[in-house]
Amino acid sequence: MEGIDEGSVKDQVVREVGNKAGSQVSKAIGGKIGSILGKQVTKEATKLGAVKRKLIPAIKGLPDGKKFLVFSFNNNVTKQATEFRVASNTTRTSSNIFVQNLKASGGTNTLEGLLEALSTADVQEIVLMSDGLPNSGPKAVLEEIKKVNTSNIIIHTIAFGEDADLDFMRTLAQENNGTFITSKM
């Protein structure tokens, strides 16, 4: 979701401003704490930072007892756990730590992420947060999901970034009885 050359001009400007702001915070505060805070400011000015700013409060807001599972995907799919977690203070906190520690690397393997989510036992709904720029191309993802999602699992989509493929994200949600949302960084 976040390669050096990725993103619209606006995304690149936001990233550059975040880098400069992080550097200034680091210098102004100084020392180890300044360095840590500077890096945090820099990280938050990216598409992945925007996803984290939306996902962490969503996880915090899960009611006790709600089942959930967090996946990330770049070139590979990474699951926080192998089965659904039941929302509690402990599971919400550990999931938010997992999200906070995500790093952007590689491409956007949307298809593998969705296939992994669809193959999870007892899944009923999926929320895909992405820039909607899949490695395999939007058409290939839509065709494969149409074939595989025979249980009519609902797929909601949230698009991030000025360069997001809104048509793909909207179509994916519509074809899978989900809701499509765009999110500002």
Protein backbone atom coordinates (compact mmCIF):
# COMPACT_ATOMS: atom_id res chain seq x y z
CA MET A 1 0.00 0.00 0.00
CA GLU A 2 2.89 2.32 0.41
CA GLY A 3 5.86 2.02 -1.91
CA ILE A 4 8.12 5.03 -2.44
CA ASP A 5 6.72 5.65 -5.94
CA GLU A 6 3.12 4.86 -5.04
CA GLY A 7 0.35 7.30 -4.53
CA SER A 8 -0.94 10.41 -6.15
CA VAL A 9 0.93 13.68 -6.01
CA LYS A 10 -1.18 14.60 -2.97
CA ASP A 11 -0.27 11.32 -1.22
CA GLN A 12 3.40 11.96 -1.92
CA VAL A 13 3.15 15.54 -0.61
CA VAL A 14 1.39 14.34 2.57
CA ARG A 15 4.15 11.75 3.05
CA GLU A 16 6.86 14.40 2.55
CA VAL A 17 5.16 16.80 4.97
CA GLY A 18 4.91 13.94 7.48
CA ASN A 19 8.61 13.21 7.06
CA LYS A 20 9.53 16.86 7.68
CA ALA A 21 7.15 17.20 10.63
CA GLY A 22 8.56 14.01 12.16
CA SER A 23 12.06 15.32 11.75
CA GLN A 24 11.19 18.64 13.37
CA VAL A 25 9.45 16.93 16.31
CA SER A 26 12.51 14.75 16.78
CA LYS A 27 14.85 17.76 16.78
CA ALA A 28 12.64 19.95 18.99
CA ILE A 29 12.22 17.35 21.74
CA GLY A 30 15.57 15.69 21.27
CA GLY A 31 16.93 12.48 22.72
CA LYS A 32 15.32 9.07 22.61
CA ILE A 33 11.80 10.36 23.27
CA GLY A 34 12.11 12.94 20.49
CA SER A 35 13.28 10.25 18.11
CA ILE A 36 10.38 7.96 18.99
CA LEU A 37 7.78 10.73 18.66
CA GLY A 38 9.32 11.94 15.41
CA LYS A 39 9.10 8.48 13.89
CA GLN A 40 5.47 8.20 15.03
CA VAL A 41 4.53 11.51 13.36
CA THR A 42 6.23 10.37 10.14
CA LYS A 43 4.41 7.02 10.14
CA GLU A 44 0.99 8.61 10.63
CA ALA A 45 1.27 10.68 7.41
CA THR A 46 0.90 7.64 5.12
CA LYS A 47 -1.97 5.57 3.73
CA LEU A 48 -1.09 2.84 6.21
CA GLY A 49 -1.12 5.46 8.95
CA ALA A 50 -4.61 6.48 7.84
CA VAL A 51 -5.76 2.85 7.97
CA LYS A 52 -4.36 2.53 11.49
CA ARG A 53 -6.12 5.73 12.60
CA LYS A 54 -9.45 4.25 11.47
CA LEU A 55 -8.95 0.60 12.42
CA ILE A 56 -7.66 1.02 15.97
CA PRO A 57 -10.74 2.94 17.21
CA ALA A 58 -12.99 0.47 15.36
CA ILE A 59 -11.37 -2.43 17.24
CA LYS A 60 -11.60 -0.51 20.52
CA GLY A 61 -15.32 -0.06 19.85
CA LEU A 62 -16.09 -3.75 19.39
CA PRO A 63 -18.57 -4.86 22.04
CA ASP A 64 -17.52 -7.57 24.48
CA GLY A 65 -18.25 -11.00 23.03
CA LYS A 66 -18.09 -9.93 19.34
CA LYS A 67 -15.96 -12.30 17.27
CA PHE A 68 -13.31 -10.78 15.00
CA LEU A 69 -10.03 -11.47 13.24
CA VAL A 70 -7.44 -9.03 11.84
CA PHE A 71 -5.48 -9.78 8.65
CA SER A 72 -2.87 -7.74 6.87
CA PHE A 73 -1.67 -8.28 3.34
CA ASN A 74 1.16 -7.02 1.19
CA ASN A 75 3.03 -9.62 -0.86
CA ASN A 76 1.93 -12.13 1.80
CA VAL A 77 -1.07 -12.52 4.06
CA THR A 78 -0.50 -12.29 7.81
CA LYS A 79 -3.20 -13.20 10.31
CA GLN A 80 -3.04 -12.03 13.87
CA ALA A 81 -4.55 -15.35 14.96
CA THR A 82 -5.61 -18.60 13.31
CA GLU A 83 -9.19 -18.42 14.54
CA PHE A 84 -11.67 -15.78 15.57
CA ARG A 85 -10.97 -13.88 18.76
CA VAL A 86 -13.70 -12.88 21.19
CA ALA A 87 -13.66 -9.15 21.96
CA SER A 88 -12.48 -8.34 25.46
CA ASN A 89 -10.08 -5.75 26.88
CA THR A 90 -7.19 -8.17 26.35
CA THR A 91 -8.02 -9.21 22.77
CA ARG A 92 -8.83 -5.65 21.68
CA THR A 93 -5.53 -4.40 23.12
CA SER A 94 -3.44 -7.16 21.52
CA SER A 95 -5.18 -6.61 18.17
CA ASN A 96 -4.48 -2.89 18.33
CA ILE A 97 -0.81 -3.63 19.07
CA PHE A 98 -0.78 -5.93 16.02
CA VAL A 99 -2.27 -3.13 13.88
CA GLN A 100 0.07 -0.46 15.30
CA ASN A 101 3.08 -2.63 14.41
CA LEU A 102 2.06 -3.17 10.77
CA LYS A 103 4.62 -1.98 8.26
CA ALA A 104 4.14 -1.28 4.57
CA SER A 105 6.22 -3.47 2.32
CA GLY A 106 5.79 -5.02 -1.07
CA GLY A 107 2.63 -4.89 -3.09
CA THR A 108 -1.06 -5.18 -2.41
CA ASN A 109 -2.06 -8.84 -2.64
CA THR A 110 -5.77 -8.15 -2.27
CA LEU A 111 -6.85 -11.41 -3.86
CA GLU A 112 -4.87 -13.62 -1.46
CA GLY A 113 -6.06 -11.55 1.50
CA LEU A 114 -9.70 -11.94 0.46
CA LEU A 115 -9.33 -15.65 -0.35
CA GLU A 116 -7.76 -16.24 3.07
CA ALA A 117 -10.58 -14.32 4.76
CA LEU A 118 -13.28 -16.12 2.77
CA SER A 119 -11.81 -19.51 3.72
CA THR A 120 -11.92 -18.73 7.45
CA ALA A 121 -14.43 -20.98 9.21
CA ASP A 122 -17.64 -19.23 10.30
CA VAL A 123 -16.81 -15.90 8.62
CA GLN A 124 -19.94 -13.86 7.91
CA GLU A 125 -18.59 -10.42 7.00
CA ILE A 126 -15.30 -9.00 5.78
CA VAL A 127 -14.14 -5.39 5.93
CA LEU A 128 -11.43 -4.68 3.34
CA MET A 129 -9.42 -1.52 4.01
CA SER A 130 -7.16 -0.78 1.03
CA ASP A 131 -6.07 1.66 -1.63
CA GLY A 132 -7.84 -0.68 -4.04
CA LEU A 133 -4.76 -1.18 -6.21
CA PRO A 134 -4.39 -4.98 -6.21
CA ASN A 135 -1.29 -6.63 -7.65
CA SER A 136 -3.36 -9.01 -9.76
CA GLY A 137 -5.57 -6.27 -11.18
CA PRO A 138 -9.13 -5.34 -10.21
CA LYS A 139 -10.84 -7.43 -12.89
CA ALA A 140 -9.03 -10.63 -11.85
CA VAL A 141 -9.96 -10.05 -8.19
CA LEU A 142 -13.63 -9.40 -8.99
CA GLU A 143 -13.86 -12.49 -11.22
CA GLU A 144 -12.18 -14.79 -8.68
CA ILE A 145 -14.23 -13.53 -5.72
CA LYS A 146 -17.43 -13.99 -7.74
CA LYS A 147 -16.44 -17.66 -8.28
CA VAL A 148 -15.28 -18.31 -4.71
CA ASN A 149 -17.83 -16.43 -2.58
CA THR A 150 -20.56 -19.04 -2.96
CA SER A 151 -21.67 -18.62 0.67
CA ASN A 152 -22.59 -14.97 -0.03
CA ILE A 153 -20.25 -13.61 2.62
CA ILE A 154 -20.68 -9.85 2.87
CA ILE A 155 -17.63 -7.81 1.85
CA HIS A 156 -17.51 -4.16 2.90
CA THR A 157 -14.80 -1.93 1.45
CA ILE A 158 -13.09 1.20 2.73
CA ALA A 159 -10.86 2.98 0.19
CA PHE A 160 -7.81 4.99 1.31
CA GLY A 161 -5.61 7.40 -0.66
CA GLU A 162 -6.11 9.88 -3.44
CA ASP A 163 -5.07 7.25 -5.98
CA ALA A 164 -7.49 4.59 -4.71
CA ASP A 165 -9.38 2.66 -7.36
CA LEU A 166 -12.85 3.70 -6.21
CA ASP A 167 -14.63 1.85 -9.02
CA PHE A 168 -13.00 -1.44 -8.02
CA MET A 169 -13.69 -0.98 -4.30
CA ARG A 170 -17.32 0.09 -4.97
CA THR A 171 -17.93 -2.84 -7.33
CA LEU A 172 -16.39 -5.35 -4.92
CA ALA A 173 -18.72 -4.16 -2.14
CA GLN A 174 -21.79 -4.03 -4.39
CA GLU A 175 -21.24 -7.49 -5.83
CA ASN A 176 -20.90 -8.92 -2.31
CA ASN A 177 -23.81 -7.13 -0.58
CA GLY A 178 -21.43 -4.82 1.28
CA THR A 179 -21.09 -1.12 1.90
CA PHE A 180 -18.49 1.02 0.16
CA ILE A 181 -16.85 3.93 1.99
CA THR A 182 -14.09 6.32 1.02
CA SER A 183 -11.88 7.66 3.75
CA LYS A 184 -9.79 10.79 3.75
CA MET A 185 -6.23 10.42 4.94
